[in-house]
Amino acid sequence: MLRATRPKPVSHEVFIRLDPINLADYEALAKELLPYNVWNEIESGAMDEVTTRRNRTALQSLVLRPRLLRDVQHRDLSTTVLGTPVSMPIFVCPAGGHKIAHPDGELATAKGAGMSGTIMVLSTGANYSIEEVAEVATGPLWMQLNHRSPQLTEMLVRRAEEAGFKAVCLTVDSPVPVPQERSIKNRYDHPFERANFRGMNVKTGANVSATGDPFA
């Protein structure tokens, strides 16, 4: 006599890759791990963020032209940026206050840029100084500069030159501090010093983010 056997249950288990594989994955992880007001400070743009949204839309509209039936046995992404050799057409743009995301701040960023064979652009408002970053960097360094006074500008440029920085990137669209509305709503104050002005009587760092940090 034949007995009916119950079929084995079909497994619907789905294996999800947990390690990040693109920038969107890293962004989602950062949003999950960082405190709410810290993530908002990093993600938000100036004022009501109209320009930020337009920038994203403009970037998403760009497409790569496919090159078909080409020899791809030897692929090389390396190029130069203003004469500086880089391993790929990507470099680290300046943003102040990396320490709010990790204690090593710009030191870790500079090390990562060097490991990737590309440029690190250090912000005027960095949480580690020009000299501290230069000491650990293994790749090319550029200096982003917010011009606030002839004395401060000369001081920063001379220090960058002495530390081996190869270029100065002058920011010209922020003659006055620009507030971030999300940071105002969150009452966010940057908790760390702007290391390039350590020991100086210059208004930077804490208590200026809500109204616009002049060195971010």
Protein backbone atom coordinates (compact mmCIF):
# COMPACT_ATOMS: atom_id res chain seq x y z
CA MET A 1 0.00 0.00 0.00
CA LEU A 2 1.42 3.34 -1.02
CA ARG A 3 1.48 6.10 1.53
CA ALA A 4 1.25 9.73 0.58
CA THR A 5 4.30 11.65 1.70
CA ARG A 6 4.17 15.28 2.63
CA PRO A 7 6.40 17.33 0.33
CA LYS A 8 9.35 19.09 1.90
CA PRO A 9 8.64 22.75 2.61
CA VAL A 10 10.09 25.14 0.09
CA SER A 11 12.57 27.54 1.66
CA HIS A 12 11.84 31.17 0.96
CA GLU A 13 14.86 32.38 2.88
CA VAL A 14 16.50 35.31 1.17
CA PHE A 15 20.17 36.04 1.72
CA ILE A 16 20.81 39.76 1.81
CA ARG A 17 24.28 41.15 1.30
CA LEU A 18 24.97 43.26 4.37
CA ASP A 19 28.29 44.82 3.46
CA PRO A 20 27.95 48.07 1.47
CA ILE A 21 28.71 47.88 -2.24
CA ASN A 22 27.91 51.44 -3.39
CA LEU A 23 27.65 54.99 -2.08
CA ALA A 24 23.92 54.71 -1.42
CA ASP A 25 24.60 51.72 0.87
CA TYR A 26 27.21 53.67 2.83
CA GLU A 27 24.81 56.60 3.12
CA ALA A 28 22.05 54.36 4.48
CA LEU A 29 24.41 52.80 7.04
CA ALA A 30 25.65 56.21 8.17
CA LYS A 31 22.08 57.43 8.63
CA GLU A 32 21.34 54.37 10.77
CA LEU A 33 24.47 54.59 12.93
CA LEU A 34 24.93 58.32 13.52
CA PRO A 35 22.84 60.42 15.92
CA TYR A 36 19.88 62.08 14.22
CA ASN A 37 21.12 65.67 14.48
CA VAL A 38 24.65 64.71 13.38
CA TRP A 39 23.37 62.94 10.27
CA ASN A 40 21.16 65.92 9.44
CA GLU A 41 24.16 68.25 9.74
CA ILE A 42 26.14 66.07 7.30
CA GLU A 43 23.34 65.50 4.81
CA SER A 44 21.76 68.94 4.73
CA GLY A 45 22.63 71.81 2.44
CA ALA A 46 22.46 75.57 2.81
CA MET A 47 19.19 77.30 3.69
CA ASP A 48 16.16 75.34 2.38
CA GLU A 49 18.39 73.11 0.19
CA VAL A 50 16.95 74.12 -3.19
CA THR A 51 20.48 74.20 -4.65
CA THR A 52 21.28 70.80 -3.14
CA ARG A 53 18.26 69.23 -4.82
CA ARG A 54 19.08 70.89 -8.13
CA ASN A 55 22.67 69.63 -7.92
CA ARG A 56 21.47 66.06 -7.37
CA THR A 57 19.06 66.31 -10.29
CA ALA A 58 21.80 67.69 -12.55
CA LEU A 59 24.18 64.89 -11.55
CA GLN A 60 21.57 62.21 -12.15
CA SER A 61 20.96 63.59 -15.65
CA LEU A 62 24.52 62.81 -16.70
CA VAL A 63 25.08 59.58 -18.64
CA LEU A 64 28.15 57.70 -19.77
CA ARG A 65 28.50 57.13 -23.49
CA PRO A 66 28.95 53.38 -24.09
CA ARG A 67 31.96 52.35 -26.15
CA LEU A 68 31.17 49.01 -27.74
CA LEU A 69 33.42 46.43 -29.44
CA ARG A 70 36.54 47.87 -27.80
CA ASP A 71 39.52 46.02 -26.36
CA VAL A 72 38.90 45.89 -22.58
CA GLN A 73 41.66 43.47 -21.67
CA HIS A 74 43.63 46.27 -20.03
CA ARG A 75 41.38 48.79 -18.28
CA ASP A 76 42.83 51.96 -16.77
CA LEU A 77 40.82 54.64 -14.93
CA SER A 78 43.83 56.77 -14.05
CA THR A 79 43.99 60.36 -15.20
CA THR A 80 45.25 63.75 -14.00
CA VAL A 81 43.49 66.63 -12.27
CA LEU A 82 45.23 69.94 -12.98
CA GLY A 83 48.45 68.00 -13.51
CA THR A 84 48.11 65.79 -10.41
CA PRO A 85 48.04 62.05 -11.24
CA VAL A 86 45.08 60.14 -9.72
CA SER A 87 44.07 56.51 -9.96
CA MET A 88 40.51 57.43 -11.02
CA PRO A 89 38.52 60.58 -11.87
CA ILE A 90 37.31 60.86 -8.26
CA PHE A 91 38.81 62.74 -5.32
CA VAL A 92 37.80 63.77 -1.79
CA CYS A 93 36.14 67.18 -1.84
CA PRO A 94 36.46 69.54 1.14
CA ALA A 95 33.96 69.30 3.97
CA GLY A 96 34.60 70.57 7.47
CA GLY A 97 34.16 68.60 10.67
CA HIS A 98 34.85 64.95 9.82
CA LYS A 99 35.28 64.21 13.51
CA ILE A 100 31.51 64.29 14.10
CA ALA A 101 31.34 61.01 12.15
CA HIS A 102 34.53 59.33 13.49
CA PRO A 103 37.16 60.21 16.11
CA ASP A 104 39.97 60.01 13.52
CA GLY A 105 38.22 62.61 11.36
CA GLU A 106 40.29 64.02 8.51
CA LEU A 107 43.25 61.82 9.46
CA ALA A 108 41.29 58.74 8.40
CA THR A 109 39.98 60.50 5.29
CA ALA A 110 43.50 61.46 4.19
CA LYS A 111 44.74 57.90 4.76
CA GLY A 112 41.85 56.51 2.73
CA ALA A 113 42.48 58.94 -0.13
CA GLY A 114 46.15 57.95 -0.17
CA MET A 115 45.29 54.24 -0.20
CA SER A 116 42.97 54.91 -3.14
CA GLY A 117 45.61 56.87 -5.03
CA THR A 118 43.68 60.10 -5.23
CA ILE A 119 43.58 63.68 -3.92
CA MET A 120 42.40 64.77 -0.48
CA VAL A 121 41.17 68.38 -0.35
CA LEU A 122 41.36 69.55 3.27
CA SER A 123 38.72 72.00 4.49
CA THR A 124 39.64 75.21 6.25
CA GLY A 125 37.22 74.06 8.96
CA ALA A 126 38.83 70.64 9.52
CA ASN A 127 38.94 69.12 13.00
CA TYR A 128 42.60 68.18 12.45
CA SER A 129 45.15 70.78 11.41
CA ILE A 130 47.03 71.19 8.16
CA GLU A 131 50.17 69.82 9.79
CA GLU A 132 48.44 66.86 11.47
CA VAL A 133 46.84 65.74 8.20
CA ALA A 134 50.07 66.18 6.22
CA GLU A 135 51.90 63.98 8.73
CA VAL A 136 49.71 60.92 8.01
CA ALA A 137 48.85 61.50 4.35
CA THR A 138 50.38 59.27 1.69
CA GLY A 139 48.69 60.88 -1.32
CA PRO A 140 48.49 64.38 -2.80
CA LEU A 141 46.96 67.10 -0.63
CA TRP A 142 45.14 70.26 -1.69
CA MET A 143 43.88 73.00 0.63
CA GLN A 144 40.39 74.50 0.50
CA LEU A 145 40.38 78.13 1.59
CA ASN A 146 37.61 80.36 2.92
CA HIS A 147 38.86 83.92 2.67
CA ARG A 148 37.89 85.83 5.83
CA SER A 149 40.76 88.29 6.21
CA PRO A 150 44.15 88.90 4.56
CA GLN A 151 45.92 87.86 7.77
CA LEU A 152 44.09 84.54 8.16
CA THR A 153 44.39 83.74 4.46
CA GLU A 154 48.14 84.38 4.39
CA MET A 155 48.62 82.31 7.54
CA LEU A 156 46.73 79.32 6.12
CA VAL A 157 48.36 79.44 2.69
CA ARG A 158 51.88 79.65 4.14
CA ARG A 159 51.21 76.71 6.47
CA ALA A 160 49.75 74.63 3.64
CA GLU A 161 52.76 75.38 1.42
CA GLU A 162 55.21 74.45 4.17
CA ALA A 163 53.31 71.20 4.84
CA GLY A 164 53.58 70.12 1.21
CA PHE A 165 50.09 70.89 -0.08
CA LYS A 166 50.17 71.23 -3.87
CA ALA A 167 47.21 73.50 -4.58
CA VAL A 168 44.75 75.94 -3.01
CA CYS A 169 41.03 75.69 -3.79
CA LEU A 170 39.49 79.09 -3.11
CA THR A 171 35.81 79.13 -2.12
CA VAL A 172 34.23 82.30 -3.51
CA ASP A 173 30.48 81.71 -2.98
CA SER A 174 30.33 82.20 0.79
CA PRO A 175 31.24 85.82 1.60
CA VAL A 176 29.02 85.53 4.68
CA PRO A 177 28.06 82.46 6.77
CA VAL A 178 25.07 80.56 5.36
CA PRO A 179 22.78 78.75 7.83
CA GLN A 180 21.48 75.21 7.41
CA GLU A 181 17.78 75.22 8.27
CA ARG A 182 17.79 71.61 9.46
CA SER A 183 20.58 72.38 11.93
CA ILE A 184 18.63 75.39 13.20
CA LYS A 185 15.58 73.19 13.82
CA ASN A 186 17.75 70.59 15.57
CA ARG A 187 19.58 73.28 17.60
CA TYR A 188 22.80 71.65 16.43
CA ASP A 189 26.14 73.09 17.54
CA HIS A 190 29.41 71.72 16.19
CA PRO A 191 31.10 70.10 19.22
CA PHE A 192 34.74 70.08 18.04
CA GLU A 193 37.32 72.78 17.49
CA ARG A 194 38.42 73.98 14.06
CA ALA A 195 42.00 72.79 14.44
CA ASN A 196 43.61 75.24 12.01
CA PHE A 197 42.70 78.03 14.43
CA ARG A 198 43.71 76.26 17.61
CA GLY A 199 44.75 78.76 20.26
CA MET A 200 43.59 81.75 18.22
CA ASN A 201 40.86 84.21 19.05
CA VAL A 202 38.78 83.30 15.99
CA LYS A 203 35.05 82.53 16.12
CA THR A 204 34.82 78.96 14.83
CA GLY A 205 33.46 75.59 15.84
CA ALA A 206 30.83 75.27 18.53
CA ASN A 207 27.78 77.54 18.64
CA VAL A 208 28.04 78.72 15.04
CA SER A 209 26.53 75.86 12.98
CA ALA A 210 22.93 76.94 13.55
CA THR A 211 23.55 80.39 12.10
CA GLY A 212 26.12 79.26 9.55
CA ASP A 213 29.67 78.11 10.27
CA PRO A 214 32.07 80.46 8.47
CA PHE A 215 34.67 77.69 8.11
CA ALA A 216 32.58 74.58 7.39
